[in-house]
Amino acid sequence: MDKEISKSNEWKQCKSHVFWGELAPSEHLVQIYENDDVVLDSLEEFVHAGFKAGDSVIIIATEEHMNALNDRLKVHELDLEQLQSDNQYIPLNAHETLEKFMVNGWPDESLFMKMVKDVIGLARGKGNRLVRAYGEMVAILWGQGHNG
């Protein structure tokens, strides 16, 4: 993460590897960013660190962000095709994923839970790997006016 709010309500810089290292398992976060490079820098570190740790990574992103992330990950000489084949890297299109559990313009809880269970099950694999996940679906829904 590039910035965090201090007690004085000013933004301060924080290296992304420090941030991700302090995030506890099962914690959620919201990152507010000014441009795509900020979120892609954080996401690249999050994904790369996950692969180095042997974790599975689920990315649910827009096509634009997914393509940019994959380009960045190739710099690390990762075999993304093999990682996908092993279900250690599961990239999903955010818009297509949303369509799987939206009913009458709103998320359906049971369809959402089934989708999550299925994807996490794939990511865990037979070895019950730890799973890291990133998603842009909330941002898409918010942008469509679904803020209730």
Protein backbone atom coordinates (compact mmCIF):
# COMPACT_ATOMS: atom_id res chain seq x y z
CA MET A 1 0.00 0.00 0.00
CA ASP A 2 1.37 3.38 -0.84
CA LYS A 3 -0.40 5.57 1.67
CA GLU A 4 -2.14 5.21 4.97
CA ILE A 5 -3.91 7.69 7.21
CA SER A 6 -1.98 8.79 10.27
CA LYS A 7 -3.49 10.20 13.46
CA SER A 8 -3.10 13.70 12.05
CA ASN A 9 -5.25 12.71 9.02
CA GLU A 10 -2.31 13.24 6.68
CA TRP A 11 -1.25 10.60 4.18
CA LYS A 12 2.04 8.87 4.80
CA GLN A 13 4.02 6.57 2.55
CA CYS A 14 4.38 2.87 3.33
CA LYS A 15 6.24 0.26 1.27
CA SER A 16 3.81 -2.34 -0.05
CA HIS A 17 5.85 -5.33 1.19
CA VAL A 18 5.69 -3.90 4.73
CA PHE A 19 1.95 -3.40 4.42
CA TRP A 20 1.23 -6.89 3.08
CA GLY A 21 3.52 -8.41 5.72
CA GLU A 22 1.42 -6.87 8.49
CA LEU A 23 -1.96 -7.93 7.11
CA ALA A 24 -3.32 -10.85 9.13
CA PRO A 25 -4.94 -13.90 7.50
CA SER A 26 -8.63 -13.40 6.69
CA GLU A 27 -8.41 -9.63 7.01
CA HIS A 28 -10.12 -7.46 4.42
CA LEU A 29 -9.15 -4.02 3.28
CA VAL A 30 -10.23 -1.26 0.98
CA GLN A 31 -7.57 0.61 -0.97
CA ILE A 32 -8.41 4.04 -2.28
CA TYR A 33 -6.05 5.12 -5.01
CA GLU A 34 -5.54 8.08 -7.30
CA ASN A 35 -4.35 6.22 -10.39
CA ASP A 36 -3.99 2.68 -11.67
CA ASP A 37 -0.23 2.55 -11.10
CA VAL A 38 -0.77 2.83 -7.35
CA VAL A 39 -3.11 -0.15 -7.16
CA LEU A 40 -1.08 -2.16 -9.67
CA ASP A 41 2.12 -1.61 -7.66
CA SER A 42 0.40 -2.96 -4.54
CA LEU A 43 -1.27 -5.79 -6.41
CA GLU A 44 1.96 -6.88 -8.10
CA GLU A 45 3.69 -7.14 -4.71
CA PHE A 46 0.69 -8.93 -3.16
CA VAL A 47 0.55 -11.55 -5.93
CA HIS A 48 4.31 -12.05 -6.29
CA ALA A 49 4.75 -12.45 -2.52
CA GLY A 50 1.91 -14.98 -2.52
CA PHE A 51 3.55 -17.09 -5.20
CA LYS A 52 6.89 -16.92 -3.36
CA ALA A 53 5.12 -18.20 -0.23
CA GLY A 54 3.47 -21.06 -2.14
CA ASP A 55 0.00 -19.56 -1.77
CA SER A 56 -2.72 -19.65 -4.38
CA VAL A 57 -3.89 -16.31 -5.74
CA ILE A 58 -7.37 -15.41 -6.95
CA ILE A 59 -7.65 -12.15 -8.87
CA ILE A 60 -11.09 -10.85 -9.84
CA ALA A 61 -10.36 -7.73 -11.87
CA THR A 62 -11.34 -5.73 -14.90
CA GLU A 63 -9.78 -6.82 -18.15
CA GLU A 64 -7.63 -3.68 -18.21
CA HIS A 65 -6.22 -4.28 -14.73
CA MET A 66 -5.77 -8.01 -15.35
CA ASN A 67 -3.77 -7.41 -18.52
CA ALA A 68 -1.60 -4.80 -16.80
CA LEU A 69 -1.01 -7.09 -13.81
CA ASN A 70 -0.08 -10.06 -16.00
CA ASP A 71 2.41 -7.88 -17.90
CA ARG A 72 3.99 -6.86 -14.59
CA LEU A 73 4.12 -10.46 -13.32
CA LYS A 74 5.95 -11.63 -16.44
CA VAL A 75 8.89 -9.45 -15.36
CA HIS A 76 9.28 -11.83 -12.40
CA GLU A 77 9.71 -14.74 -14.85
CA LEU A 78 6.63 -16.49 -13.51
CA ASP A 79 5.06 -19.22 -15.62
CA LEU A 80 1.51 -17.88 -15.41
CA GLU A 81 0.14 -20.61 -17.68
CA GLN A 82 1.52 -23.34 -15.41
CA LEU A 83 0.30 -21.54 -12.29
CA GLN A 84 -3.17 -21.35 -13.86
CA SER A 85 -3.05 -25.00 -14.89
CA ASP A 86 -2.24 -25.90 -11.27
CA ASN A 87 -5.07 -23.64 -10.02
CA GLN A 88 -2.48 -21.70 -8.07
CA TYR A 89 -3.32 -18.59 -10.10
CA ILE A 90 -6.99 -18.02 -10.83
CA PRO A 91 -7.59 -14.81 -12.80
CA LEU A 92 -11.28 -14.00 -13.28
CA ASN A 93 -12.94 -11.22 -15.21
CA ALA A 94 -14.80 -9.08 -12.65
CA HIS A 95 -17.77 -8.29 -14.90
CA GLU A 96 -18.26 -11.94 -15.91
CA THR A 97 -17.92 -13.07 -12.31
CA LEU A 98 -20.55 -10.57 -11.16
CA GLU A 99 -22.98 -11.96 -13.74
CA LYS A 100 -22.81 -15.34 -12.02
CA PHE A 101 -24.51 -14.13 -8.85
CA MET A 102 -26.49 -11.01 -9.76
CA VAL A 103 -30.30 -11.32 -9.70
CA ASN A 104 -32.50 -8.40 -10.73
CA GLY A 105 -29.51 -6.08 -10.54
CA TRP A 106 -28.45 -7.07 -7.02
CA PRO A 107 -26.08 -9.72 -5.62
CA ASP A 108 -27.79 -12.93 -4.57
CA GLU A 109 -26.19 -14.19 -1.35
CA SER A 110 -26.58 -17.92 -2.04
CA LEU A 111 -25.23 -17.65 -5.59
CA PHE A 112 -22.35 -15.50 -4.32
CA MET A 113 -21.47 -17.99 -1.57
CA LYS A 114 -21.53 -20.89 -4.05
CA MET A 115 -19.21 -19.01 -6.41
CA VAL A 116 -16.81 -18.17 -3.57
CA LYS A 117 -16.82 -21.73 -2.24
CA ASP A 118 -16.13 -23.19 -5.69
CA VAL A 119 -13.29 -20.80 -6.52
CA ILE A 120 -11.61 -21.10 -3.12
CA GLY A 121 -11.92 -24.89 -3.34
CA LEU A 122 -10.08 -24.84 -6.66
CA ALA A 123 -7.41 -22.54 -5.28
CA ARG A 124 -6.81 -24.61 -2.14
CA GLY A 125 -6.19 -27.70 -4.24
CA LYS A 126 -5.38 -31.10 -2.80
CA GLY A 127 -2.62 -29.67 -0.62
CA ASN A 128 -5.00 -27.22 1.08
CA ARG A 129 -2.85 -24.21 0.09
CA LEU A 130 -3.34 -20.83 1.66
CA VAL A 131 -5.30 -18.49 -0.61
CA ARG A 132 -4.88 -14.78 -1.30
CA ALA A 133 -7.69 -12.99 -3.10
CA TYR A 134 -8.17 -9.59 -4.68
CA GLY A 135 -11.39 -8.34 -6.18
CA GLU A 136 -12.76 -5.29 -7.94
CA MET A 137 -16.41 -6.30 -7.88
CA VAL A 138 -17.36 -3.91 -5.07
CA ALA A 139 -15.83 -1.00 -7.00
CA ILE A 140 -17.82 -1.99 -10.09
CA LEU A 141 -21.06 -2.27 -8.13
CA TRP A 142 -20.38 1.05 -6.40
CA GLY A 143 -19.77 2.65 -9.79
CA GLN A 144 -23.16 1.34 -10.93
CA GLY A 145 -24.88 2.97 -7.96
CA HIS A 146 -25.17 -0.15 -5.80
CA ASN A 147 -24.04 1.41 -2.56
CA GLY A 148 -26.70 0.07 -0.22
